[in-house]
Amino acid sequence: MTNNSSEVLERLFAVIESRKGADASSSYTAKLFDEGMAEIARKVGEEAVETITAALSTPEDVTAESADLLYHLLVLWAEAGIKPEDVWAELQKREGTSGIAEKASRK
């Protein structure tokens, strides 16, 4: 097992996807899927705010909240039918492009 960051996220994503349709009383992830996209999106927002707040605290708090945020974002991707490799491909397309130019291209 490697510690490559994208591989860690892909392994976690596989576990998350395996929870679709599981018993919501025995799996937090299954409970999120059962509650639907609105609740999943709310949780992503909540974790984003907690990550922002942690930025004013310690690096350990930022690390913990970032892990929570990434987990909930992966749940959102799974619910939306997005695979991690879709996001990696999008990031790769943007690699070497100015952030200003990339934002301008979206208009």
PDB file of N, CA and C in Angstrom:
ATOM      1  N   MET A   1       0.856  -1.181   0.000  1.00  0.00           N
ATOM      2  CA  MET A   1       0.000   0.000   0.000  1.00  0.00           C
ATOM      3  C   MET A   1       0.898   1.239   0.000  1.00  0.00           C
ATOM      4  N   THR A   2       0.643   2.144  -0.925  1.00  0.00           N
ATOM      5  CA  THR A   2       1.467   3.345  -1.000  1.00  0.00           C
ATOM      6  C   THR A   2       0.767   4.506  -0.305  1.00  0.00           C
ATOM      7  N   ASN A   3       1.530   5.549  -0.083  1.00  0.00           N
ATOM      8  CA  ASN A   3       0.979   6.748   0.543  1.00  0.00           C
ATOM      9  C   ASN A   3       0.829   7.881  -0.452  1.00  0.00           C
ATOM     10  N   ASN A   4       0.883   7.573  -1.757  1.00  0.00           N
ATOM     11  CA  ASN A   4       0.650   8.586  -2.775  1.00  0.00           C
ATOM     12  C   ASN A   4      -0.713   9.205  -2.508  1.00  0.00           C
ATOM     13  N   SER A   5      -0.766  10.526  -2.436  1.00  0.00           N
ATOM     14  CA  SER A   5      -2.001  11.198  -2.022  1.00  0.00           C
ATOM     15  C   SER A   5      -3.189  10.859  -2.904  1.00  0.00           C
ATOM     16  N   SER A   6      -3.000  10.815  -4.213  1.00  0.00           N
ATOM     17  CA  SER A   6      -4.141  10.502  -5.067  1.00  0.00           C
ATOM     18  C   SER A   6      -4.590   9.062  -4.857  1.00  0.00           C
ATOM     19  N   GLU A   7      -3.652   8.160  -4.577  1.00  0.00           N
ATOM     20  CA  GLU A   7      -4.027   6.765  -4.328  1.00  0.00           C
ATOM     21  C   GLU A   7      -4.784   6.617  -3.012  1.00  0.00           C
ATOM     22  N   VAL A   8      -4.394   7.375  -1.998  1.00  0.00           N
ATOM     23  CA  VAL A   8      -5.112   7.350  -0.723  1.00  0.00           C
ATOM     24  C   VAL A   8      -6.551   7.806  -0.953  1.00  0.00           C
ATOM     25  N   LEU A   9      -6.717   8.897  -1.684  1.00  0.00           N
ATOM     26  CA  LEU A   9      -8.067   9.408  -1.963  1.00  0.00           C
ATOM     27  C   LEU A   9      -8.859   8.420  -2.808  1.00  0.00           C
ATOM     28  N   GLU A  10      -8.213   7.774  -3.761  1.00  0.00           N
ATOM     29  CA  GLU A  10      -8.924   6.798  -4.598  1.00  0.00           C
ATOM     30  C   GLU A  10      -9.355   5.579  -3.790  1.00  0.00           C
ATOM     31  N   ARG A  11      -8.514   5.128  -2.851  1.00  0.00           N
ATOM     32  CA  ARG A  11      -8.915   4.012  -1.979  1.00  0.00           C
ATOM     33  C   ARG A  11     -10.097   4.422  -1.102  1.00  0.00           C
ATOM     34  N   LEU A  12     -10.034   5.627  -0.531  1.00  0.00           N
ATOM     35  CA  LEU A  12     -11.144   6.114   0.281  1.00  0.00           C
ATOM     36  C   LEU A  12     -12.402   6.233  -0.563  1.00  0.00           C
ATOM     37  N   PHE A  13     -12.266   6.725  -1.796  1.00  0.00           N
ATOM     38  CA  PHE A  13     -13.420   6.854  -2.685  1.00  0.00           C
ATOM     39  C   PHE A  13     -14.058   5.492  -2.939  1.00  0.00           C
ATOM     40  N   ALA A  14     -13.238   4.467  -3.131  1.00  0.00           N
ATOM     41  CA  ALA A  14     -13.773   3.116  -3.366  1.00  0.00           C
ATOM     42  C   ALA A  14     -14.576   2.638  -2.154  1.00  0.00           C
ATOM     43  N   VAL A  15     -14.085   2.916  -0.958  1.00  0.00           N
ATOM     44  CA  VAL A  15     -14.826   2.546   0.254  1.00  0.00           C
ATOM     45  C   VAL A  15     -16.135   3.319   0.306  1.00  0.00           C
ATOM     46  N   ILE A  16     -16.071   4.615   0.016  1.00  0.00           N
ATOM     47  CA  ILE A  16     -17.277   5.451   0.023  1.00  0.00           C
ATOM     48  C   ILE A  16     -18.307   4.898  -0.959  1.00  0.00           C
ATOM     49  N   GLU A  17     -17.886   4.605  -2.183  1.00  0.00           N
ATOM     50  CA  GLU A  17     -18.825   4.067  -3.174  1.00  0.00           C
ATOM     51  C   GLU A  17     -19.420   2.735  -2.726  1.00  0.00           C
ATOM     52  N   SER A  18     -18.643   1.942  -2.006  1.00  0.00           N
ATOM     53  CA  SER A  18     -19.146   0.645  -1.546  1.00  0.00           C
ATOM     54  C   SER A  18     -20.245   0.800  -0.497  1.00  0.00           C
ATOM     55  N   ARG A  19     -20.375   1.970   0.067  1.00  0.00           N
ATOM     56  CA  ARG A  19     -21.398   2.220   1.093  1.00  0.00           C
ATOM     57  C   ARG A  19     -22.751   2.626   0.492  1.00  0.00           C
ATOM     58  N   LYS A  20     -22.784   2.886  -0.821  1.00  0.00           N
ATOM     59  CA  LYS A  20     -24.070   3.217  -1.458  1.00  0.00           C
ATOM     60  C   LYS A  20     -25.026   2.040  -1.276  1.00  0.00           C
ATOM     61  N   GLY A  21     -26.204   2.338  -0.762  1.00  0.00           N
ATOM     62  CA  GLY A  21     -27.208   1.298  -0.560  1.00  0.00           C
ATOM     63  C   GLY A  21     -27.010   0.477   0.697  1.00  0.00           C
ATOM     64  N   ALA A  22     -25.965   0.753   1.462  1.00  0.00           N
ATOM     65  CA  ALA A  22     -25.732   0.028   2.720  1.00  0.00           C
ATOM     66  C   ALA A  22     -26.715   0.514   3.779  1.00  0.00           C
ATOM     67  N   ASP A  23     -26.747  -0.185   4.882  1.00  0.00           N
ATOM     68  CA  ASP A  23     -27.637   0.145   5.992  1.00  0.00           C
ATOM     69  C   ASP A  23     -27.211   1.469   6.625  1.00  0.00           C
ATOM     70  N   ALA A  24     -28.090   2.456   6.550  1.00  0.00           N
ATOM     71  CA  ALA A  24     -27.797   3.792   7.066  1.00  0.00           C
ATOM     72  C   ALA A  24     -27.633   3.807   8.576  1.00  0.00           C
ATOM     73  N   SER A  25     -28.136   2.800   9.259  1.00  0.00           N
ATOM     74  CA  SER A  25     -27.983   2.769  10.717  1.00  0.00           C
ATOM     75  C   SER A  25     -26.617   2.237  11.142  1.00  0.00           C
ATOM     76  N   SER A  26     -25.876   1.651  10.186  1.00  0.00           N
ATOM     77  CA  SER A  26     -24.572   1.090  10.551  1.00  0.00           C
ATOM     78  C   SER A  26     -23.406   1.780   9.850  1.00  0.00           C
ATOM     79  N   SER A  27     -23.704   2.770   8.984  1.00  0.00           N
ATOM     80  CA  SER A  27     -22.644   3.444   8.241  1.00  0.00           C
ATOM     81  C   SER A  27     -22.986   4.920   8.085  1.00  0.00           C
ATOM     82  N   TYR A  28     -22.099   5.778   8.575  1.00  0.00           N
ATOM     83  CA  TYR A  28     -22.301   7.219   8.425  1.00  0.00           C
ATOM     84  C   TYR A  28     -22.351   7.594   6.948  1.00  0.00           C
ATOM     85  N   THR A  29     -21.494   6.985   6.140  1.00  0.00           N
ATOM     86  CA  THR A  29     -21.474   7.282   4.710  1.00  0.00           C
ATOM     87  C   THR A  29     -22.801   6.881   4.068  1.00  0.00           C
ATOM     88  N   ALA A  30     -23.298   5.701   4.398  1.00  0.00           N
ATOM     89  CA  ALA A  30     -24.591   5.253   3.869  1.00  0.00           C
ATOM     90  C   ALA A  30     -25.703   6.207   4.304  1.00  0.00           C
ATOM     91  N   LYS A  31     -25.608   6.710   5.537  1.00  0.00           N
ATOM     92  CA  LYS A  31     -26.598   7.673   6.031  1.00  0.00           C
ATOM     93  C   LYS A  31     -26.568   8.949   5.193  1.00  0.00           C
ATOM     94  N   LEU A  32     -25.364   9.428   4.870  1.00  0.00           N
ATOM     95  CA  LEU A  32     -25.259  10.615   4.012  1.00  0.00           C
ATOM     96  C   LEU A  32     -25.905  10.360   2.647  1.00  0.00           C
ATOM     97  N   PHE A  33     -25.597   9.224   2.037  1.00  0.00           N
ATOM     98  CA  PHE A  33     -26.209   8.901   0.735  1.00  0.00           C
ATOM     99  C   PHE A  33     -27.725   8.842   0.864  1.00  0.00           C
ATOM    100  N   ASP A  34     -28.207   8.259   1.953  1.00  0.00           N
ATOM    101  CA  ASP A  34     -29.640   8.143   2.183  1.00  0.00           C
ATOM    102  C   ASP A  34     -30.301   9.514   2.313  1.00  0.00           C
ATOM    103  N   GLU A  35     -29.588  10.478   2.893  1.00  0.00           N
ATOM    104  CA  GLU A  35     -30.141  11.821   3.085  1.00  0.00           C
ATOM    105  C   GLU A  35     -30.108  12.653   1.810  1.00  0.00           C
ATOM    106  N   GLY A  36     -29.266  12.281   0.846  1.00  0.00           N
ATOM    107  CA  GLY A  36     -29.285  12.929  -0.460  1.00  0.00           C
ATOM    108  C   GLY A  36     -28.299  14.082  -0.619  1.00  0.00           C
ATOM    109  N   MET A  37     -28.277  14.603  -1.840  1.00  0.00           N
ATOM    110  CA  MET A  37     -27.303  15.616  -2.239  1.00  0.00           C
ATOM    111  C   MET A  37     -27.398  16.885  -1.406  1.00  0.00           C
ATOM    112  N   ALA A  38     -28.587  17.332  -1.061  1.00  0.00           N
ATOM    113  CA  ALA A  38     -28.702  18.578  -0.292  1.00  0.00           C
ATOM    114  C   ALA A  38     -27.966  18.465   1.041  1.00  0.00           C
ATOM    115  N   GLU A  39     -28.115  17.343   1.727  1.00  0.00           N
ATOM    116  CA  GLU A  39     -27.435  17.164   3.019  1.00  0.00           C
ATOM    117  C   GLU A  39     -25.939  16.978   2.816  1.00  0.00           C
ATOM    118  N   ILE A  40     -25.562  16.243   1.786  1.00  0.00           N
ATOM    119  CA  ILE A  40     -24.140  16.056   1.500  1.00  0.00           C
ATOM    120  C   ILE A  40     -23.488  17.410   1.213  1.00  0.00           C
ATOM    121  N   ALA A  41     -24.128  18.218   0.391  1.00  0.00           N
ATOM    122  CA  ALA A  41     -23.594  19.545   0.062  1.00  0.00           C
ATOM    123  C   ALA A  41     -23.518  20.422   1.307  1.00  0.00           C
ATOM    124  N   ARG A  42     -24.513  20.335   2.177  1.00  0.00           N
ATOM    125  CA  ARG A  42     -24.497  21.103   3.424  1.00  0.00           C
ATOM    126  C   ARG A  42     -23.297  20.696   4.278  1.00  0.00           C
ATOM    127  N   LYS A  43     -23.033  19.393   4.346  1.00  0.00           N
ATOM    128  CA  LYS A  43     -21.901  18.906   5.132  1.00  0.00           C
ATOM    129  C   LYS A  43     -20.577  19.385   4.540  1.00  0.00           C
ATOM    130  N   VAL A  44     -20.458  19.415   3.211  1.00  0.00           N
ATOM    131  CA  VAL A  44     -19.237  19.932   2.589  1.00  0.00           C
ATOM    132  C   VAL A  44     -19.043  21.386   2.994  1.00  0.00           C
ATOM    133  N   GLY A  45     -20.109  22.161   2.946  1.00  0.00           N
ATOM    134  CA  GLY A  45     -20.028  23.560   3.355  1.00  0.00           C
ATOM    135  C   GLY A  45     -19.642  23.710   4.816  1.00  0.00           C
ATOM    136  N   GLU A  46     -20.231  22.901   5.670  1.00  0.00           N
ATOM    137  CA  GLU A  46     -19.917  22.946   7.098  1.00  0.00           C
ATOM    138  C   GLU A  46     -18.436  22.631   7.337  1.00  0.00           C
ATOM    139  N   GLU A  47     -17.953  21.596   6.664  1.00  0.00           N
ATOM    140  CA  GLU A  47     -16.545  21.211   6.835  1.00  0.00           C
ATOM    141  C   GLU A  47     -15.602  22.260   6.247  1.00  0.00           C
ATOM    142  N   ALA A  48     -16.023  22.926   5.178  1.00  0.00           N
ATOM    143  CA  ALA A  48     -15.206  24.004   4.608  1.00  0.00           C
ATOM    144  C   ALA A  48     -15.071  25.145   5.602  1.00  0.00           C
ATOM    145  N   VAL A  49     -16.178  25.510   6.236  1.00  0.00           N
ATOM    146  CA  VAL A  49     -16.140  26.582   7.240  1.00  0.00           C
ATOM    147  C   VAL A  49     -15.264  26.163   8.421  1.00  0.00           C
ATOM    148  N   GLU A  50     -15.385  24.917   8.856  1.00  0.00           N
ATOM    149  CA  GLU A  50     -14.553  24.443   9.965  1.00  0.00           C
ATOM    150  C   GLU A  50     -13.072  24.449   9.580  1.00  0.00           C
ATOM    151  N   THR A  51     -12.757  24.156   8.327  1.00  0.00           N
ATOM    152  CA  THR A  51     -11.373  24.210   7.862  1.00  0.00           C
ATOM    153  C   THR A  51     -10.868  25.646   7.873  1.00  0.00           C
ATOM    154  N   ILE A  52     -11.699  26.570   7.422  1.00  0.00           N
ATOM    155  CA  ILE A  52     -11.331  27.991   7.441  1.00  0.00           C
ATOM    156  C   ILE A  52     -11.081  28.443   8.876  1.00  0.00           C
ATOM    157  N   THR A  53     -11.960  28.074   9.784  1.00  0.00           N
ATOM    158  CA  THR A  53     -11.808  28.442  11.184  1.00  0.00           C
ATOM    159  C   THR A  53     -10.532  27.834  11.763  1.00  0.00           C
ATOM    160  N   ALA A  54     -10.253  26.588  11.401  1.00  0.00           N
ATOM    161  CA  ALA A  54      -9.045  25.913  11.894  1.00  0.00           C
ATOM    162  C   ALA A  54      -7.783  26.602  11.404  1.00  0.00           C
ATOM    163  N   ALA A  55      -7.864  27.277  10.264  1.00  0.00           N
ATOM    164  CA  ALA A  55      -6.692  27.988   9.732  1.00  0.00           C
ATOM    165  C   ALA A  55      -6.208  29.053  10.704  1.00  0.00           C
ATOM    166  N   LEU A  56      -7.072  29.487  11.592  1.00  0.00           N
ATOM    167  CA  LEU A  56      -6.703  30.482  12.601  1.00  0.00           C
ATOM    168  C   LEU A  56      -6.216  29.821  13.882  1.00  0.00           C
ATOM    169  N   SER A  57      -6.106  28.495  13.863  1.00  0.00           N
ATOM    170  CA  SER A  57      -5.721  27.728  15.039  1.00  0.00           C
ATOM    171  C   SER A  57      -4.353  27.081  14.811  1.00  0.00           C
ATOM    172  N   THR A  58      -4.300  25.774  14.936  1.00  0.00           N
ATOM    173  CA  THR A  58      -3.025  25.063  14.821  1.00  0.00           C
ATOM    174  C   THR A  58      -2.950  24.269  13.513  1.00  0.00           C
ATOM    175  N   PRO A  59      -1.747  23.951  13.060  1.00  0.00           N
ATOM    176  CA  PRO A  59      -1.616  23.099  11.871  1.00  0.00           C
ATOM    177  C   PRO A  59      -2.314  21.741  12.049  1.00  0.00           C
ATOM    178  N   GLU A  60      -2.307  21.214  13.258  1.00  0.00           N
ATOM    179  CA  GLU A  60      -2.976  19.936  13.522  1.00  0.00           C
ATOM    180  C   GLU A  60      -4.480  20.058  13.312  1.00  0.00           C
ATOM    181  N   ASP A  61      -5.058  21.177  13.740  1.00  0.00           N
ATOM    182  CA  ASP A  61      -6.495  21.399  13.532  1.00  0.00           C
ATOM    183  C   ASP A  61      -6.809  21.533  12.044  1.00  0.00           C
ATOM    184  N   VAL A  62      -5.951  22.233  11.316  1.00  0.00           N
ATOM    185  CA  VAL A  62      -6.150  22.382   9.863  1.00  0.00           C
ATOM    186  C   VAL A  62      -6.073  21.018   9.194  1.00  0.00           C
ATOM    187  N   THR A  63      -5.125  20.204   9.614  1.00  0.00           N
ATOM    188  CA  THR A  63      -4.973  18.860   9.054  1.00  0.00           C
ATOM    189  C   THR A  63      -6.230  18.030   9.288  1.00  0.00           C
ATOM    190  N   ALA A  64      -6.709  18.012  10.514  1.00  0.00           N
ATOM    191  CA  ALA A  64      -7.899  17.219  10.852  1.00  0.00           C
ATOM    192  C   ALA A  64      -9.127  17.704  10.096  1.00  0.00           C
ATOM    193  N   GLU A  65      -9.337  18.998  10.063  1.00  0.00           N
ATOM    194  CA  GLU A  65     -10.514  19.539   9.370  1.00  0.00           C
ATOM    195  C   GLU A  65     -10.391  19.354   7.854  1.00  0.00           C
ATOM    196  N   SER A  66      -9.186  19.433   7.328  1.00  0.00           N
ATOM    197  CA  SER A  66      -8.986  19.203   5.899  1.00  0.00           C
ATOM    198  C   SER A  66      -9.334  17.762   5.527  1.00  0.00           C
ATOM    199  N   ALA A  67      -8.965  16.825   6.399  1.00  0.00           N
ATOM    200  CA  ALA A  67      -9.322  15.426   6.155  1.00  0.00           C
ATOM    201  C   ALA A  67     -10.837  15.253   6.146  1.00  0.00           C
ATOM    202  N   ASP A  68     -11.530  15.900   7.077  1.00  0.00           N
ATOM    203  CA  ASP A  68     -12.999  15.845   7.106  1.00  0.00           C
ATOM    204  C   ASP A  68     -13.584  16.438   5.824  1.00  0.00           C
ATOM    205  N   LEU A  69     -13.031  17.563   5.394  1.00  0.00           N
ATOM    206  CA  LEU A  69     -13.513  18.226   4.184  1.00  0.00           C
ATOM    207  C   LEU A  69     -13.312  17.331   2.958  1.00  0.00           C
ATOM    208  N   LEU A  70     -12.135  16.742   2.830  1.00  0.00           N
ATOM    209  CA  LEU A  70     -11.872  15.866   1.683  1.00  0.00           C
ATOM    210  C   LEU A  70     -12.806  14.656   1.683  1.00  0.00           C
ATOM    211  N   TYR A  71     -13.020  14.053   2.844  1.00  0.00           N
ATOM    212  CA  TYR A  71     -13.949  12.917   2.937  1.00  0.00           C
ATOM    213  C   TYR A  71     -15.336  13.314   2.428  1.00  0.00           C
ATOM    214  N   HIS A  72     -15.863  14.421   2.947  1.00  0.00           N
ATOM    215  CA  HIS A  72     -17.211  14.833   2.546  1.00  0.00           C
ATOM    216  C   HIS A  72     -17.254  15.233   1.069  1.00  0.00           C
ATOM    217  N   LEU A  73     -16.182  15.813   0.551  1.00  0.00           N
ATOM    218  CA  LEU A  73     -16.115  16.140  -0.872  1.00  0.00           C
ATOM    219  C   LEU A  73     -16.144  14.864  -1.714  1.00  0.00           C
ATOM    220  N   LEU A  74     -15.458  13.829  -1.270  1.00  0.00           N
ATOM    221  CA  LEU A  74     -15.495  12.545  -1.990  1.00  0.00           C
ATOM    222  C   LEU A  74     -16.900  11.946  -1.977  1.00  0.00           C
ATOM    223  N   VAL A  75     -17.610  12.088  -0.867  1.00  0.00           N
ATOM    224  CA  VAL A  75     -19.001  11.617  -0.811  1.00  0.00           C
ATOM    225  C   VAL A  75     -19.839  12.392  -1.830  1.00  0.00           C
ATOM    226  N   LEU A  76     -19.632  13.702  -1.899  1.00  0.00           N
ATOM    227  CA  LEU A  76     -20.362  14.522  -2.867  1.00  0.00           C
ATOM    228  C   LEU A  76     -20.046  14.069  -4.290  1.00  0.00           C
ATOM    229  N   TRP A  77     -18.763  13.824  -4.594  1.00  0.00           N
ATOM    230  CA  TRP A  77     -18.395  13.342  -5.930  1.00  0.00           C
ATOM    231  C   TRP A  77     -19.126  12.039  -6.243  1.00  0.00           C
ATOM    232  N   ALA A  78     -19.112  11.106  -5.286  1.00  0.00           N
ATOM    233  CA  ALA A  78     -19.755   9.805  -5.507  1.00  0.00           C
ATOM    234  C   ALA A  78     -21.246   9.983  -5.771  1.00  0.00           C
ATOM    235  N   GLU A  79     -21.884  10.842  -5.024  1.00  0.00           N
ATOM    236  CA  GLU A  79     -23.318  11.087  -5.220  1.00  0.00           C
ATOM    237  C   GLU A  79     -23.586  11.718  -6.585  1.00  0.00           C
ATOM    238  N   ALA A  80     -22.664  12.560  -7.046  1.00  0.00           N
ATOM    239  CA  ALA A  80     -22.825  13.261  -8.327  1.00  0.00           C
ATOM    240  C   ALA A  80     -22.359  12.420  -9.521  1.00  0.00           C
ATOM    241  N   GLY A  81     -21.789  11.240  -9.263  1.00  0.00           N
ATOM    242  CA  GLY A  81     -21.298  10.396 -10.344  1.00  0.00           C
ATOM    243  C   GLY A  81     -19.951  10.832 -10.896  1.00  0.00           C
ATOM    244  N   ILE A  82     -19.201  11.557 -10.086  1.00  0.00           N
ATOM    245  CA  ILE A  82     -17.869  12.043 -10.484  1.00  0.00           C
ATOM    246  C   ILE A  82     -16.826  11.131  -9.850  1.00  0.00           C
ATOM    247  N   LYS A  83     -15.853  10.722 -10.635  1.00  0.00           N
ATOM    248  CA  LYS A  83     -14.752   9.886 -10.155  1.00  0.00           C
ATOM    249  C   LYS A  83     -13.542  10.774  -9.876  1.00  0.00           C
ATOM    250  N   PRO A  84     -12.685  10.377  -8.934  1.00  0.00           N
ATOM    251  CA  PRO A  84     -11.478  11.171  -8.685  1.00  0.00           C
ATOM    252  C   PRO A  84     -10.673  11.428  -9.956  1.00  0.00           C
ATOM    253  N   GLU A  85     -10.572  10.438 -10.825  1.00  0.00           N
ATOM    254  CA  GLU A  85      -9.789  10.637 -12.052  1.00  0.00           C
ATOM    255  C   GLU A  85     -10.383  11.735 -12.945  1.00  0.00           C
ATOM    256  N   ASP A  86     -11.685  11.989 -12.831  1.00  0.00           N
ATOM    257  CA  ASP A  86     -12.290  13.107 -13.575  1.00  0.00           C
ATOM    258  C   ASP A  86     -11.719  14.434 -13.078  1.00  0.00           C
ATOM    259  N   VAL A  87     -11.577  14.552 -11.772  1.00  0.00           N
ATOM    260  CA  VAL A  87     -11.041  15.779 -11.183  1.00  0.00           C
ATOM    261  C   VAL A  87      -9.557  15.898 -11.490  1.00  0.00           C
ATOM    262  N   TRP A  88      -8.828  14.768 -11.389  1.00  0.00           N
ATOM    263  CA  TRP A  88      -7.392  14.805 -11.705  1.00  0.00           C
ATOM    264  C   TRP A  88      -7.189  15.257 -13.151  1.00  0.00           C
ATOM    265  N   ALA A  89      -8.034  14.741 -14.071  1.00  0.00           N
ATOM    266  CA  ALA A  89      -7.912  15.117 -15.486  1.00  0.00           C
ATOM    267  C   ALA A  89      -8.180  16.611 -15.675  1.00  0.00           C
ATOM    268  N   GLU A  90      -9.162  17.137 -14.971  1.00  0.00           N
ATOM    269  CA  GLU A  90      -9.462  18.570 -15.066  1.00  0.00           C
ATOM    270  C   GLU A  90      -8.289  19.396 -14.547  1.00  0.00           C
ATOM    271  N   LEU A  91      -7.718  18.978 -13.435  1.00  0.00           N
ATOM    272  CA  LEU A  91      -6.559  19.682 -12.894  1.00  0.00           C
ATOM    273  C   LEU A  91      -5.374  19.598 -13.858  1.00  0.00           C
ATOM    274  N   GLN A  92      -5.200  18.438 -14.470  1.00  0.00           N
ATOM    275  CA  GLN A  92      -4.100  18.272 -15.419  1.00  0.00           C
ATOM    276  C   GLN A  92      -4.285  19.188 -16.634  1.00  0.00           C
ATOM    277  N   LYS A  93      -5.535  19.345 -17.087  1.00  0.00           N
ATOM    278  CA  LYS A  93      -5.811  20.255 -18.207  1.00  0.00           C
ATOM    279  C   LYS A  93      -5.425  21.684 -17.857  1.00  0.00           C
ATOM    280  N   ARG A  94      -5.584  22.042 -16.598  1.00  0.00           N
ATOM    281  CA  ARG A  94      -5.303  23.408 -16.154  1.00  0.00           C
ATOM    282  C   ARG A  94      -3.828  23.630 -15.813  1.00  0.00           C
ATOM    283  N   GLU A  95      -3.078  22.540 -15.690  1.00  0.00           N
ATOM    284  CA  GLU A  95      -1.674  22.642 -15.282  1.00  0.00           C
ATOM    285  C   GLU A  95      -0.908  23.531 -16.256  1.00  0.00           C
ATOM    286  N   GLY A  96      -0.158  24.461 -15.712  1.00  0.00           N
ATOM    287  CA  GLY A  96       0.646  25.362 -16.532  1.00  0.00           C
ATOM    288  C   GLY A  96      -0.124  26.549 -17.074  1.00  0.00           C
ATOM    289  N   THR A  97      -1.409  26.636 -16.718  1.00  0.00           N
ATOM    290  CA  THR A  97      -2.238  27.752 -17.154  1.00  0.00           C
ATOM    291  C   THR A  97      -2.352  28.746 -16.021  1.00  0.00           C
ATOM    292  N   SER A  98      -2.210  29.998 -16.330  1.00  0.00           N
ATOM    293  CA  SER A  98      -2.383  31.055 -15.330  1.00  0.00           C
ATOM    294  C   SER A  98      -3.786  30.953 -14.737  1.00  0.00           C
ATOM    295  N   GLY A  99      -3.879  31.089 -13.425  1.00  0.00           N
ATOM    296  CA  GLY A  99      -5.185  31.083 -12.781  1.00  0.00           C
ATOM    297  C   GLY A  99      -6.084  32.201 -13.301  1.00  0.00           C
ATOM    298  N   ILE A 100      -5.497  33.322 -13.625  1.00  0.00           N
ATOM    299  CA  ILE A 100      -6.264  34.448 -14.170  1.00  0.00           C
ATOM    300  C   ILE A 100      -6.791  34.072 -15.554  1.00  0.00           C
ATOM    301  N   ALA A 101      -5.941  33.502 -16.384  1.00  0.00           N
ATOM    302  CA  ALA A 101      -6.368  33.105 -17.737  1.00  0.00           C
ATOM    303  C   ALA A 101      -7.409  32.000 -17.680  1.00  0.00           C
ATOM    304  N   GLU A 102      -7.229  31.037 -16.762  1.00  0.00           N
ATOM    305  CA  GLU A 102      -8.180  29.937 -16.643  1.00  0.00           C
ATOM    306  C   GLU A 102      -9.553  30.456 -16.237  1.00  0.00           C
ATOM    307  N   LYS A 103      -9.613  31.352 -15.261  1.00  0.00           N
ATOM    308  CA  LYS A 103     -10.896  31.919 -14.835  1.00  0.00           C
ATOM    309  C   LYS A 103     -11.542  32.701 -15.975  1.00  0.00           C
ATOM    310  N   ALA A 104     -10.765  33.454 -16.722  1.00  0.00           N
ATOM    311  CA  ALA A 104     -11.295  34.235 -17.848  1.00  0.00           C
ATOM    312  C   ALA A 104     -11.880  33.319 -18.912  1.00  0.00           C
ATOM    313  N   SER A 105     -11.319  32.122 -19.073  1.00  0.00           N
ATOM    314  CA  SER A 105     -11.808  31.203 -20.108  1.00  0.00           C
ATOM    315  C   SER A 105     -13.164  30.611 -19.768  1.00  0.00           C
ATOM    316  N   ARG A 106     -13.586  30.704 -18.518  1.00  0.00           N
ATOM    317  CA  ARG A 106     -14.883  30.141 -18.085  1.00  0.00           C
ATOM    318  C   ARG A 106     -16.046  31.047 -18.419  1.00  0.00           C
ATOM    319  N   LYS A 107     -15.792  32.300 -18.826  1.00  0.00           N
ATOM    320  CA  LYS A 107     -16.888  33.255 -19.063  1.00  0.00           C
ATOM    321  C   LYS A 107     -17.551  33.019 -20.385  1.00  0.00           C
TER     322      LYS A 107
END
